[in-house]
Amino acid sequence: MFTGIIETCGRIAEAARKGGNLSLAIESEISHALKVDQSVAHEGVCLTVTQVEGNIHCVDVVEETLQRTRLGKLRAGDRVNLERSLRVNARLDGHIVQGHVDALGICKEITDREGSVLMEFAFPVRYRNMLVDKGSITINGVSLTVIEPGDERFRVTVIPYTWEHTTLGQLKTGDEVNLEFDILAKYFARHMEAYTRP
């Protein structure tokens, strides 16, 4: 379980295919403090630490995750958002995040608002009932507030600190992003689907 509040950005030291999986070695300021079997969100994807050596930790990305996320496009030198799992006694500063990506979105527009950045994303229409105005969404692991949700697009405003201290500041129009919709919205949508089913 995570909050969508990014601790730090790591750098991909190595990305290598092993059969159908992708093995990633990530260098970061928190890697030395990680333990094998620990869950860490990488660009919003919950992955298990398999090895720790100094300031580098390793994870494996399975085929299903590669198909559902943008992790397969990572290359050596790329930055990634990192967040360790939530402690039970910690403040929930973002929102409840599972680290299970629901869909890929596309960055459609980036507008500098002189103090913040307005971003617009396209997403698969089948998820339109997961978004509400002022609700929560996770983009590449970053907890953000939805504004102006439509059937296939939504917007978020990113403050300068988040822009500078996460990988959101590297996005360009046309880039894919990992989207995780609010777990409460997913449970409610499922409940309503069962309730309205004949």
N, C-alpha and C. Protein backbone atom coordinates (compact mmCIF):
# COMPACT_ATOMS: atom_id res chain seq x y z
N MET A 1 0.84 -1.19 0.00
CA MET A 1 0.00 0.00 0.00
C MET A 1 0.88 1.25 0.00
N PHE A 2 0.49 2.25 -0.80
CA PHE A 2 1.29 3.46 -0.95
C PHE A 2 0.38 4.69 -0.82
N THR A 3 0.99 5.87 -0.94
CA THR A 3 0.22 7.10 -0.81
C THR A 3 0.28 7.98 -2.05
N GLY A 4 1.20 7.70 -2.97
CA GLY A 4 1.37 8.56 -4.14
C GLY A 4 2.22 9.77 -3.86
N ILE A 5 2.88 9.81 -2.69
CA ILE A 5 3.82 10.89 -2.38
C ILE A 5 5.22 10.35 -2.64
N ILE A 6 5.85 10.82 -3.70
CA ILE A 6 7.13 10.29 -4.15
C ILE A 6 8.25 10.65 -3.17
N GLU A 7 9.03 9.64 -2.77
CA GLU A 7 10.15 9.89 -1.86
C GLU A 7 11.35 10.47 -2.59
N THR A 8 11.67 9.88 -3.73
CA THR A 8 12.84 10.31 -4.48
C THR A 8 12.74 9.77 -5.90
N CYS A 9 13.59 10.26 -6.76
CA CYS A 9 13.72 9.71 -8.11
C CYS A 9 14.99 8.89 -8.19
N GLY A 10 14.88 7.69 -8.73
CA GLY A 10 16.05 6.87 -8.98
C GLY A 10 16.44 6.94 -10.44
N ARG A 11 17.56 6.31 -10.76
CA ARG A 11 18.04 6.27 -12.14
C ARG A 11 18.26 4.82 -12.53
N ILE A 12 17.77 4.46 -13.72
CA ILE A 12 17.96 3.10 -14.21
C ILE A 12 19.45 2.90 -14.54
N ALA A 13 20.11 2.00 -13.77
CA ALA A 13 21.51 1.70 -14.04
C ALA A 13 21.64 0.63 -15.12
N GLU A 14 20.66 -0.28 -15.15
CA GLU A 14 20.68 -1.35 -16.15
C GLU A 14 19.28 -1.87 -16.37
N ALA A 15 18.95 -2.16 -17.62
CA ALA A 15 17.67 -2.77 -17.98
C ALA A 15 17.96 -3.92 -18.92
N ALA A 16 17.65 -5.14 -18.49
CA ALA A 16 18.02 -6.32 -19.29
C ALA A 16 16.86 -7.31 -19.34
N ARG A 17 16.59 -7.82 -20.52
CA ARG A 17 15.56 -8.85 -20.69
C ARG A 17 16.07 -10.19 -20.21
N LYS A 18 15.24 -10.88 -19.46
CA LYS A 18 15.54 -12.25 -19.02
C LYS A 18 14.33 -13.10 -19.34
N GLY A 19 14.35 -13.74 -20.50
CA GLY A 19 13.18 -14.47 -20.97
C GLY A 19 12.08 -13.47 -21.26
N GLY A 20 10.90 -13.71 -20.68
CA GLY A 20 9.78 -12.79 -20.88
C GLY A 20 9.77 -11.65 -19.89
N ASN A 21 10.68 -11.65 -18.93
CA ASN A 21 10.72 -10.62 -17.90
C ASN A 21 11.76 -9.56 -18.21
N LEU A 22 11.67 -8.44 -17.48
CA LEU A 22 12.64 -7.36 -17.57
C LEU A 22 13.27 -7.18 -16.20
N SER A 23 14.58 -7.25 -16.14
CA SER A 23 15.30 -7.03 -14.89
C SER A 23 15.83 -5.61 -14.87
N LEU A 24 15.51 -4.88 -13.80
CA LEU A 24 15.93 -3.49 -13.67
C LEU A 24 16.85 -3.34 -12.47
N ALA A 25 17.94 -2.62 -12.65
CA ALA A 25 18.82 -2.21 -11.55
C ALA A 25 18.67 -0.71 -11.42
N ILE A 26 18.29 -0.24 -10.22
CA ILE A 26 17.99 1.17 -9.99
C ILE A 26 18.92 1.75 -8.95
N GLU A 27 19.53 2.87 -9.29
CA GLU A 27 20.39 3.58 -8.35
C GLU A 27 19.61 4.72 -7.73
N SER A 28 19.61 4.80 -6.40
CA SER A 28 18.88 5.88 -5.74
C SER A 28 19.42 6.12 -4.34
N GLU A 29 18.98 7.20 -3.74
CA GLU A 29 19.42 7.55 -2.39
C GLU A 29 18.74 6.70 -1.32
N ILE A 30 17.71 5.93 -1.67
CA ILE A 30 17.07 5.05 -0.68
C ILE A 30 17.41 3.58 -0.89
N SER A 31 18.09 3.27 -1.99
CA SER A 31 18.35 1.86 -2.32
C SER A 31 19.09 1.13 -1.21
N HIS A 32 20.07 1.78 -0.59
CA HIS A 32 20.86 1.13 0.45
C HIS A 32 20.02 0.73 1.66
N ALA A 33 18.89 1.41 1.86
CA ALA A 33 18.04 1.15 3.02
C ALA A 33 16.97 0.10 2.74
N LEU A 34 16.89 -0.37 1.50
CA LEU A 34 15.88 -1.36 1.14
C LEU A 34 16.32 -2.76 1.53
N LYS A 35 15.35 -3.66 1.60
CA LYS A 35 15.62 -5.06 1.92
C LYS A 35 14.99 -5.95 0.85
N VAL A 36 15.62 -7.10 0.64
CA VAL A 36 15.07 -8.08 -0.29
C VAL A 36 13.67 -8.48 0.17
N ASP A 37 12.76 -8.62 -0.77
CA ASP A 37 11.34 -8.94 -0.55
C ASP A 37 10.49 -7.72 -0.20
N GLN A 38 11.10 -6.55 -0.08
CA GLN A 38 10.34 -5.34 0.23
C GLN A 38 9.62 -4.84 -1.02
N SER A 39 8.42 -4.28 -0.83
CA SER A 39 7.65 -3.73 -1.94
C SER A 39 7.96 -2.24 -2.10
N VAL A 40 8.25 -1.84 -3.32
CA VAL A 40 8.56 -0.45 -3.63
C VAL A 40 7.83 -0.10 -4.92
N ALA A 41 7.21 1.07 -4.95
CA ALA A 41 6.53 1.54 -6.16
C ALA A 41 7.54 2.22 -7.08
N HIS A 42 7.59 1.75 -8.32
CA HIS A 42 8.45 2.31 -9.36
C HIS A 42 7.55 2.86 -10.46
N GLU A 43 7.52 4.18 -10.60
CA GLU A 43 6.60 4.81 -11.56
C GLU A 43 5.16 4.37 -11.29
N GLY A 44 4.86 4.13 -10.02
CA GLY A 44 3.50 3.75 -9.65
C GLY A 44 3.22 2.26 -9.70
N VAL A 45 4.23 1.45 -10.02
CA VAL A 45 4.06 0.00 -10.12
C VAL A 45 4.73 -0.67 -8.92
N CYS A 46 3.97 -1.44 -8.17
CA CYS A 46 4.50 -2.15 -7.01
C CYS A 46 5.38 -3.31 -7.49
N LEU A 47 6.66 -3.27 -7.12
CA LEU A 47 7.61 -4.32 -7.50
C LEU A 47 8.37 -4.79 -6.26
N THR A 48 8.80 -6.03 -6.28
CA THR A 48 9.52 -6.63 -5.16
C THR A 48 11.02 -6.51 -5.35
N VAL A 49 11.70 -6.01 -4.33
CA VAL A 49 13.15 -5.89 -4.37
C VAL A 49 13.76 -7.30 -4.32
N THR A 50 14.63 -7.59 -5.27
CA THR A 50 15.25 -8.93 -5.36
C THR A 50 16.72 -8.93 -4.94
N GLN A 51 17.34 -7.76 -4.95
CA GLN A 51 18.75 -7.67 -4.60
C GLN A 51 19.09 -6.23 -4.22
N VAL A 52 20.00 -6.07 -3.26
CA VAL A 52 20.49 -4.74 -2.86
C VAL A 52 22.00 -4.80 -2.76
N GLU A 53 22.66 -3.89 -3.48
CA GLU A 53 24.11 -3.77 -3.40
C GLU A 53 24.47 -2.30 -3.37
N GLY A 54 24.85 -1.82 -2.18
CA GLY A 54 25.19 -0.42 -2.03
C GLY A 54 24.01 0.48 -2.34
N ASN A 55 24.20 1.39 -3.26
CA ASN A 55 23.13 2.33 -3.62
C ASN A 55 22.34 1.87 -4.84
N ILE A 56 22.35 0.57 -5.11
CA ILE A 56 21.59 0.01 -6.24
C ILE A 56 20.72 -1.13 -5.74
N HIS A 57 19.47 -1.14 -6.17
CA HIS A 57 18.58 -2.28 -5.90
C HIS A 57 18.02 -2.81 -7.21
N CYS A 58 17.63 -4.07 -7.19
CA CYS A 58 17.14 -4.74 -8.40
C CYS A 58 15.70 -5.21 -8.22
N VAL A 59 14.95 -5.19 -9.32
CA VAL A 59 13.58 -5.70 -9.35
C VAL A 59 13.37 -6.42 -10.68
N ASP A 60 12.40 -7.32 -10.71
CA ASP A 60 12.03 -7.99 -11.95
C ASP A 60 10.61 -7.59 -12.32
N VAL A 61 10.39 -7.32 -13.59
CA VAL A 61 9.08 -6.95 -14.10
C VAL A 61 8.57 -8.08 -14.98
N VAL A 62 7.44 -8.69 -14.61
CA VAL A 62 6.93 -9.83 -15.36
C VAL A 62 6.18 -9.38 -16.61
N GLU A 63 5.92 -10.32 -17.50
CA GLU A 63 5.34 -10.01 -18.82
C GLU A 63 4.00 -9.27 -18.71
N GLU A 64 3.12 -9.72 -17.81
CA GLU A 64 1.82 -9.06 -17.69
C GLU A 64 1.98 -7.59 -17.31
N THR A 65 2.90 -7.31 -16.39
CA THR A 65 3.14 -5.93 -15.99
C THR A 65 3.73 -5.12 -17.14
N LEU A 66 4.59 -5.74 -17.93
CA LEU A 66 5.16 -5.06 -19.09
C LEU A 66 4.08 -4.68 -20.10
N GLN A 67 3.07 -5.53 -20.23
CA GLN A 67 2.00 -5.27 -21.18
C GLN A 67 1.05 -4.17 -20.69
N ARG A 68 0.90 -4.02 -19.37
CA ARG A 68 -0.09 -3.10 -18.81
C ARG A 68 0.49 -1.75 -18.40
N THR A 69 1.83 -1.62 -18.43
CA THR A 69 2.48 -0.40 -17.98
C THR A 69 3.50 0.07 -19.00
N ARG A 70 4.14 1.18 -18.70
CA ARG A 70 5.19 1.71 -19.58
C ARG A 70 6.58 1.29 -19.13
N LEU A 71 6.69 0.38 -18.17
CA LEU A 71 8.00 0.01 -17.64
C LEU A 71 8.90 -0.63 -18.70
N GLY A 72 8.32 -1.31 -19.66
CA GLY A 72 9.10 -1.95 -20.71
C GLY A 72 9.85 -0.97 -21.59
N LYS A 73 9.51 0.30 -21.53
CA LYS A 73 10.19 1.31 -22.33
C LYS A 73 11.35 1.97 -21.60
N LEU A 74 11.56 1.59 -20.33
CA LEU A 74 12.65 2.19 -19.57
C LEU A 74 13.99 1.72 -20.09
N ARG A 75 14.93 2.65 -20.13
CA ARG A 75 16.29 2.36 -20.58
C ARG A 75 17.29 2.90 -19.56
N ALA A 76 18.53 2.43 -19.63
CA ALA A 76 19.57 2.91 -18.74
C ALA A 76 19.66 4.44 -18.83
N GLY A 77 19.70 5.08 -17.67
CA GLY A 77 19.77 6.54 -17.60
C GLY A 77 18.43 7.20 -17.33
N ASP A 78 17.32 6.49 -17.57
CA ASP A 78 16.00 7.06 -17.33
C ASP A 78 15.76 7.22 -15.82
N ARG A 79 15.02 8.26 -15.47
CA ARG A 79 14.64 8.48 -14.09
C ARG A 79 13.31 7.80 -13.80
N VAL A 80 13.13 7.36 -12.54
CA VAL A 80 11.88 6.72 -12.12
C VAL A 80 11.47 7.24 -10.76
N ASN A 81 10.17 7.44 -10.58
CA ASN A 81 9.63 7.82 -9.28
C ASN A 81 9.66 6.61 -8.35
N LEU A 82 10.11 6.82 -7.11
CA LEU A 82 10.19 5.75 -6.13
C LEU A 82 9.43 6.12 -4.86
N GLU A 83 8.70 5.13 -4.33
CA GLU A 83 8.02 5.31 -3.04
C GLU A 83 8.00 3.97 -2.30
N ARG A 84 8.48 3.99 -1.07
CA ARG A 84 8.38 2.80 -0.24
C ARG A 84 6.96 2.68 0.29
N SER A 85 6.61 1.46 0.71
CA SER A 85 5.24 1.21 1.17
C SER A 85 4.90 2.02 2.42
N LEU A 86 3.62 2.25 2.59
CA LEU A 86 3.10 3.06 3.69
C LEU A 86 3.26 2.35 5.02
N ARG A 87 3.73 3.08 6.02
CA ARG A 87 3.75 2.56 7.38
C ARG A 87 2.38 2.79 8.01
N VAL A 88 1.95 1.85 8.83
CA VAL A 88 0.62 1.93 9.43
C VAL A 88 0.47 3.18 10.30
N ASN A 89 1.54 3.62 10.95
CA ASN A 89 1.45 4.77 11.85
C ASN A 89 1.82 6.08 11.17
N ALA A 90 1.90 6.08 9.82
CA ALA A 90 2.28 7.29 9.10
C ALA A 90 1.05 8.07 8.65
N ARG A 91 1.25 9.36 8.39
CA ARG A 91 0.18 10.19 7.84
C ARG A 91 -0.07 9.81 6.38
N LEU A 92 -1.33 9.81 6.00
CA LEU A 92 -1.70 9.50 4.62
C LEU A 92 -1.81 10.84 3.86
N ASP A 93 -0.66 11.32 3.38
CA ASP A 93 -0.62 12.65 2.75
C ASP A 93 -1.23 12.67 1.36
N GLY A 94 -1.18 11.55 0.64
CA GLY A 94 -1.75 11.52 -0.70
C GLY A 94 -3.13 10.88 -0.65
N HIS A 95 -3.24 9.69 -1.23
CA HIS A 95 -4.46 8.90 -1.10
C HIS A 95 -4.06 7.43 -1.13
N ILE A 96 -5.01 6.54 -0.93
CA ILE A 96 -4.69 5.12 -0.88
C ILE A 96 -4.35 4.62 -2.29
N VAL A 97 -3.11 4.15 -2.44
CA VAL A 97 -2.59 3.70 -3.73
C VAL A 97 -2.12 2.26 -3.58
N GLN A 98 -2.51 1.40 -4.50
CA GLN A 98 -2.12 -0.01 -4.42
C GLN A 98 -0.83 -0.33 -5.16
N GLY A 99 -0.49 0.48 -6.14
CA GLY A 99 0.65 0.15 -6.97
C GLY A 99 0.29 -0.81 -8.09
N HIS A 100 -1.02 -0.90 -8.38
CA HIS A 100 -1.52 -1.76 -9.46
C HIS A 100 -2.06 -0.86 -10.57
N VAL A 101 -1.32 -0.77 -11.64
CA VAL A 101 -1.69 0.12 -12.75
C VAL A 101 -2.92 -0.41 -13.47
N ASP A 102 -3.89 0.47 -13.69
CA ASP A 102 -5.13 0.08 -14.37
C ASP A 102 -5.05 0.23 -15.88
N ALA A 103 -4.38 1.28 -16.32
CA ALA A 103 -4.37 1.57 -17.76
C ALA A 103 -3.23 2.52 -18.09
N LEU A 104 -2.92 2.57 -19.38
CA LEU A 104 -1.98 3.56 -19.88
C LEU A 104 -2.75 4.78 -20.35
N GLY A 105 -2.24 5.94 -20.02
CA GLY A 105 -2.80 7.19 -20.51
C GLY A 105 -1.81 7.84 -21.46
N ILE A 106 -2.25 8.89 -22.15
CA ILE A 106 -1.40 9.63 -23.08
C ILE A 106 -1.40 11.10 -22.68
N CYS A 107 -0.22 11.67 -22.52
CA CYS A 107 -0.12 13.11 -22.24
C CYS A 107 -0.49 13.87 -23.51
N LYS A 108 -1.54 14.69 -23.43
CA LYS A 108 -2.04 15.39 -24.62
C LYS A 108 -1.68 16.87 -24.64
N GLU A 109 -1.50 17.45 -23.46
CA GLU A 109 -1.23 18.89 -23.43
C GLU A 109 -0.52 19.26 -22.14
N ILE A 110 0.46 20.15 -22.26
CA ILE A 110 1.20 20.68 -21.11
C ILE A 110 1.20 22.19 -21.23
N THR A 111 0.63 22.87 -20.23
CA THR A 111 0.51 24.33 -20.29
C THR A 111 1.14 24.96 -19.05
N ASP A 112 2.09 25.85 -19.26
CA ASP A 112 2.73 26.56 -18.16
C ASP A 112 1.78 27.65 -17.68
N ARG A 113 1.42 27.60 -16.40
CA ARG A 113 0.51 28.58 -15.83
C ARG A 113 1.25 29.60 -14.94
N GLU A 114 2.55 29.78 -15.16
CA GLU A 114 3.37 30.73 -14.41
C GLU A 114 3.23 30.52 -12.91
N GLY A 115 3.67 29.38 -12.47
CA GLY A 115 3.58 29.04 -11.04
C GLY A 115 3.10 27.62 -10.86
N SER A 116 2.48 27.07 -11.87
CA SER A 116 2.06 25.67 -11.87
C SER A 116 1.98 25.21 -13.32
N VAL A 117 1.75 23.91 -13.49
CA VAL A 117 1.66 23.34 -14.84
C VAL A 117 0.34 22.61 -14.96
N LEU A 118 -0.44 22.96 -15.98
CA LEU A 118 -1.69 22.28 -16.27
C LEU A 118 -1.41 21.18 -17.29
N MET A 119 -1.81 19.95 -16.95
CA MET A 119 -1.56 18.82 -17.84
C MET A 119 -2.88 18.14 -18.18
N GLU A 120 -3.01 17.74 -19.43
CA GLU A 120 -4.20 17.02 -19.88
C GLU A 120 -3.80 15.64 -20.38
N PHE A 121 -4.59 14.64 -19.98
CA PHE A 121 -4.29 13.26 -20.34
C PHE A 121 -5.51 12.60 -20.97
N ALA A 122 -5.27 11.77 -21.97
CA ALA A 122 -6.32 10.92 -22.54
C ALA A 122 -6.23 9.56 -21.86
N PHE A 123 -7.37 8.91 -21.73
CA PHE A 123 -7.42 7.59 -21.08
C PHE A 123 -8.51 6.76 -21.73
N PRO A 124 -8.48 5.43 -21.57
CA PRO A 124 -9.51 4.58 -22.17
C PRO A 124 -10.90 4.92 -21.64
N VAL A 125 -11.87 5.03 -22.54
CA VAL A 125 -13.21 5.48 -22.18
C VAL A 125 -13.88 4.56 -21.16
N ARG A 126 -13.51 3.29 -21.12
CA ARG A 126 -14.17 2.37 -20.19
C ARG A 126 -13.91 2.71 -18.73
N TYR A 127 -12.97 3.63 -18.47
CA TYR A 127 -12.67 4.04 -17.09
C TYR A 127 -13.32 5.38 -16.73
N ARG A 128 -14.22 5.88 -17.57
CA ARG A 128 -14.77 7.21 -17.35
C ARG A 128 -15.53 7.34 -16.03
N ASN A 129 -16.09 6.22 -15.54
CA ASN A 129 -16.85 6.31 -14.28
C ASN A 129 -15.93 6.23 -13.06
N MET A 130 -14.62 6.20 -13.26
CA MET A 130 -13.67 6.16 -12.16
C MET A 130 -13.20 7.55 -11.74
N LEU A 131 -13.58 8.58 -12.51
CA LEU A 131 -13.08 9.92 -12.25
C LEU A 131 -14.20 10.87 -11.84
N VAL A 132 -13.92 11.68 -10.83
CA VAL A 132 -14.82 12.76 -10.44
C VAL A 132 -13.99 14.02 -10.23
N ASP A 133 -14.62 15.16 -10.42
CA ASP A 133 -13.94 16.43 -10.20
C ASP A 133 -13.45 16.52 -8.76
N LYS A 134 -12.20 16.87 -8.57
CA LYS A 134 -11.54 16.97 -7.26
C LYS A 134 -11.28 15.61 -6.63
N GLY A 135 -11.44 14.54 -7.40
CA GLY A 135 -11.10 13.21 -6.91
C GLY A 135 -9.61 12.94 -7.12
N SER A 136 -9.17 11.75 -6.75
CA SER A 136 -7.74 11.41 -6.82
C SER A 136 -7.43 10.49 -7.99
N ILE A 137 -6.22 10.66 -8.50
CA ILE A 137 -5.67 9.75 -9.52
C ILE A 137 -4.18 9.66 -9.30
N THR A 138 -3.60 8.53 -9.70
CA THR A 138 -2.15 8.37 -9.62
C THR A 138 -1.59 8.31 -11.03
N ILE A 139 -0.64 9.20 -11.31
CA ILE A 139 0.02 9.25 -12.62
C ILE A 139 1.51 8.97 -12.40
N ASN A 140 1.99 7.87 -12.96
CA ASN A 140 3.38 7.44 -12.75
C ASN A 140 3.74 7.42 -11.27
N GLY A 141 2.75 7.03 -10.45
CA GLY A 141 2.99 6.91 -9.02
C GLY A 141 2.74 8.17 -8.22
N VAL A 142 2.41 9.27 -8.88
CA VAL A 142 2.21 10.56 -8.20
C VAL A 142 0.72 10.79 -7.94
N SER A 143 0.38 11.01 -6.68
CA SER A 143 -1.01 11.30 -6.31
C SER A 143 -1.36 12.72 -6.73
N LEU A 144 -2.41 12.86 -7.55
CA LEU A 144 -2.83 14.17 -8.05
C LEU A 144 -4.34 14.30 -7.97
N THR A 145 -4.81 15.54 -8.06
CA THR A 145 -6.24 15.84 -7.99
C THR A 145 -6.79 16.08 -9.38
N VAL A 146 -7.86 15.38 -9.71
CA VAL A 146 -8.50 15.48 -11.02
C VAL A 146 -9.29 16.78 -11.13
N ILE A 147 -9.16 17.44 -12.27
CA ILE A 147 -10.03 18.57 -12.59
C ILE A 147 -10.57 18.37 -13.99
N GLU A 148 -11.78 18.83 -14.21
CA GLU A 148 -12.44 18.77 -15.51
C GLU A 148 -12.41 17.38 -16.13
N PRO A 149 -12.91 16.37 -15.42
CA PRO A 149 -12.92 15.02 -16.02
C PRO A 149 -13.95 14.91 -17.13
N GLY A 150 -13.55 14.29 -18.22
CA GLY A 150 -14.47 14.03 -19.32
C GLY A 150 -14.57 12.54 -19.55
N ASP A 151 -15.18 12.15 -20.67
CA ASP A 151 -15.34 10.72 -20.96
C ASP A 151 -14.02 10.07 -21.36
N GLU A 152 -13.11 10.85 -21.95
CA GLU A 152 -11.85 10.27 -22.42
C GLU A 152 -10.63 11.11 -22.06
N ARG A 153 -10.84 12.22 -21.36
CA ARG A 153 -9.72 13.09 -20.98
C ARG A 153 -9.97 13.68 -19.60
N PHE A 154 -8.89 14.05 -18.94
CA PHE A 154 -8.98 14.77 -17.67
C PHE A 154 -7.75 15.65 -17.54
N ARG A 155 -7.81 16.57 -16.60
CA ARG A 155 -6.68 17.47 -16.36
C ARG A 155 -6.24 17.40 -14.91
N VAL A 156 -4.99 17.77 -14.68
CA VAL A 156 -4.45 17.93 -13.33
C VAL A 156 -3.57 19.17 -13.33
N THR A 157 -3.42 19.76 -12.17
CA THR A 157 -2.48 20.87 -12.00
C THR A 157 -1.32 20.39 -11.14
N VAL A 158 -0.12 20.63 -11.59
CA VAL A 158 1.08 20.17 -10.90
C VAL A 158 1.83 21.38 -10.34
N ILE A 159 2.09 21.35 -9.03
CA ILE A 159 2.81 22.46 -8.40
C ILE A 159 4.30 22.36 -8.75
N PRO A 160 5.05 23.47 -8.65
CA PRO A 160 6.46 23.46 -9.02
C PRO A 160 7.29 22.40 -8.30
N TYR A 161 7.06 22.17 -7.02
CA TYR A 161 7.85 21.18 -6.29
C TYR A 161 7.68 19.79 -6.91
N THR A 162 6.44 19.41 -7.17
CA THR A 162 6.19 18.09 -7.77
C THR A 162 6.76 18.01 -9.17
N TRP A 163 6.65 19.09 -9.91
CA TRP A 163 7.19 19.15 -11.28
C TRP A 163 8.70 18.91 -11.28
N GLU A 164 9.38 19.48 -10.31
CA GLU A 164 10.84 19.40 -10.25
C GLU A 164 11.35 18.11 -9.60
N HIS A 165 10.57 17.53 -8.67
CA HIS A 165 11.06 16.41 -7.88
C HIS A 165 10.47 15.06 -8.26
N THR A 166 9.77 14.99 -9.38
CA THR A 166 9.25 13.72 -9.90
C THR A 166 9.54 13.66 -11.40
N THR A 167 9.21 12.54 -12.01
CA THR A 167 9.44 12.40 -13.45
C THR A 167 8.37 13.12 -14.28
N LEU A 168 7.36 13.70 -13.64
CA LEU A 168 6.34 14.42 -14.40
C LEU A 168 6.96 15.57 -15.20
N GLY A 169 8.00 16.18 -14.66
CA GLY A 169 8.65 17.29 -15.34
C GLY A 169 9.36 16.90 -16.62
N GLN A 170 9.53 15.62 -16.85
CA GLN A 170 10.19 15.14 -18.07
C GLN A 170 9.20 14.78 -19.17
N LEU A 171 7.92 14.76 -18.83
CA LEU A 171 6.92 14.33 -19.82
C LEU A 171 6.81 15.31 -20.98
N LYS A 172 6.53 14.75 -22.14
CA LYS A 172 6.25 15.52 -23.34
C LYS A 172 4.90 15.07 -23.90
N THR A 173 4.29 15.90 -24.71
CA THR A 173 3.02 15.50 -25.32
C THR A 173 3.25 14.25 -26.16
N GLY A 174 2.34 13.30 -26.04
CA GLY A 174 2.45 12.03 -26.74
C GLY A 174 3.04 10.92 -25.89
N ASP A 175 3.63 11.26 -24.74
CA ASP A 175 4.21 10.24 -23.86
C ASP A 175 3.14 9.43 -23.16
N GLU A 176 3.42 8.15 -22.97
CA GLU A 176 2.53 7.29 -22.19
C GLU A 176 2.80 7.45 -20.70
N VAL A 177 1.76 7.27 -19.89
CA VAL A 177 1.89 7.32 -18.44
C VAL A 177 1.12 6.16 -17.83
N ASN A 178 1.55 5.73 -16.64
CA ASN A 178 0.85 4.71 -15.88
C ASN A 178 -0.26 5.37 -15.07
N LEU A 179 -1.47 4.86 -15.20
CA LEU A 179 -2.62 5.40 -14.47
C LEU A 179 -3.16 4.37 -13.49
N GLU A 180 -3.35 4.79 -12.25
CA GLU A 180 -4.08 3.98 -11.28
C GLU A 180 -5.24 4.82 -10.75
N PHE A 181 -6.44 4.33 -10.95
CA PHE A 181 -7.63 5.05 -10.50
C PHE A 181 -7.87 4.77 -9.02
N ASP A 182 -8.60 5.66 -8.38
CA ASP A 182 -8.85 5.58 -6.94
C ASP A 182 -9.54 4.25 -6.60
N ILE A 183 -9.00 3.54 -5.62
CA ILE A 183 -9.54 2.24 -5.22
C ILE A 183 -10.99 2.36 -4.76
N LEU A 184 -11.34 3.46 -4.11
CA LEU A 184 -12.72 3.65 -3.65
C LEU A 184 -13.67 3.75 -4.85
N ALA A 185 -13.20 4.45 -5.90
CA ALA A 185 -14.02 4.56 -7.12
C ALA A 185 -14.20 3.20 -7.76
N LYS A 186 -13.17 2.37 -7.74
CA LYS A 186 -13.26 1.05 -8.35
C LYS A 186 -14.23 0.14 -7.60
N TYR A 187 -14.17 0.19 -6.28
CA TYR A 187 -15.10 -0.62 -5.50
C TYR A 187 -16.55 -0.15 -5.71
N PHE A 188 -16.73 1.17 -5.76
CA PHE A 188 -18.08 1.71 -5.94
C PHE A 188 -18.63 1.34 -7.31
N ALA A 189 -17.77 1.45 -8.34
CA ALA A 189 -18.20 1.11 -9.70
C ALA A 189 -18.58 -0.36 -9.79
N ARG A 190 -17.81 -1.21 -9.14
CA ARG A 190 -18.10 -2.64 -9.13
C ARG A 190 -19.42 -2.93 -8.41
N HIS A 191 -19.64 -2.22 -7.31
CA HIS A 191 -20.87 -2.40 -6.56
C HIS A 191 -22.08 -1.99 -7.40
N MET A 192 -21.97 -0.84 -8.07
CA MET A 192 -23.07 -0.36 -8.90
C MET A 192 -23.32 -1.27 -10.09
N GLU A 193 -22.26 -1.85 -10.63
CA GLU A 193 -22.42 -2.80 -11.74
C GLU A 193 -23.20 -4.02 -11.29
N ALA A 194 -22.87 -4.53 -10.11
CA ALA A 194 -23.59 -5.71 -9.58
C ALA A 194 -25.02 -5.34 -9.21
N TYR A 195 -25.21 -4.13 -8.70
CA TYR A 195 -26.53 -3.69 -8.25
C TYR A 195 -27.49 -3.50 -9.42
N THR A 196 -26.97 -3.04 -10.55
CA THR A 196 -27.82 -2.75 -11.70
C THR A 196 -27.95 -3.93 -12.66
N ARG A 197 -27.17 -5.00 -12.41
CA ARG A 197 -27.23 -6.15 -13.30
C ARG A 197 -28.59 -6.85 -13.14
N PRO A 198 -29.26 -7.22 -14.23
CA PRO A 198 -30.57 -7.87 -14.14
C PRO A 198 -30.49 -9.24 -13.48
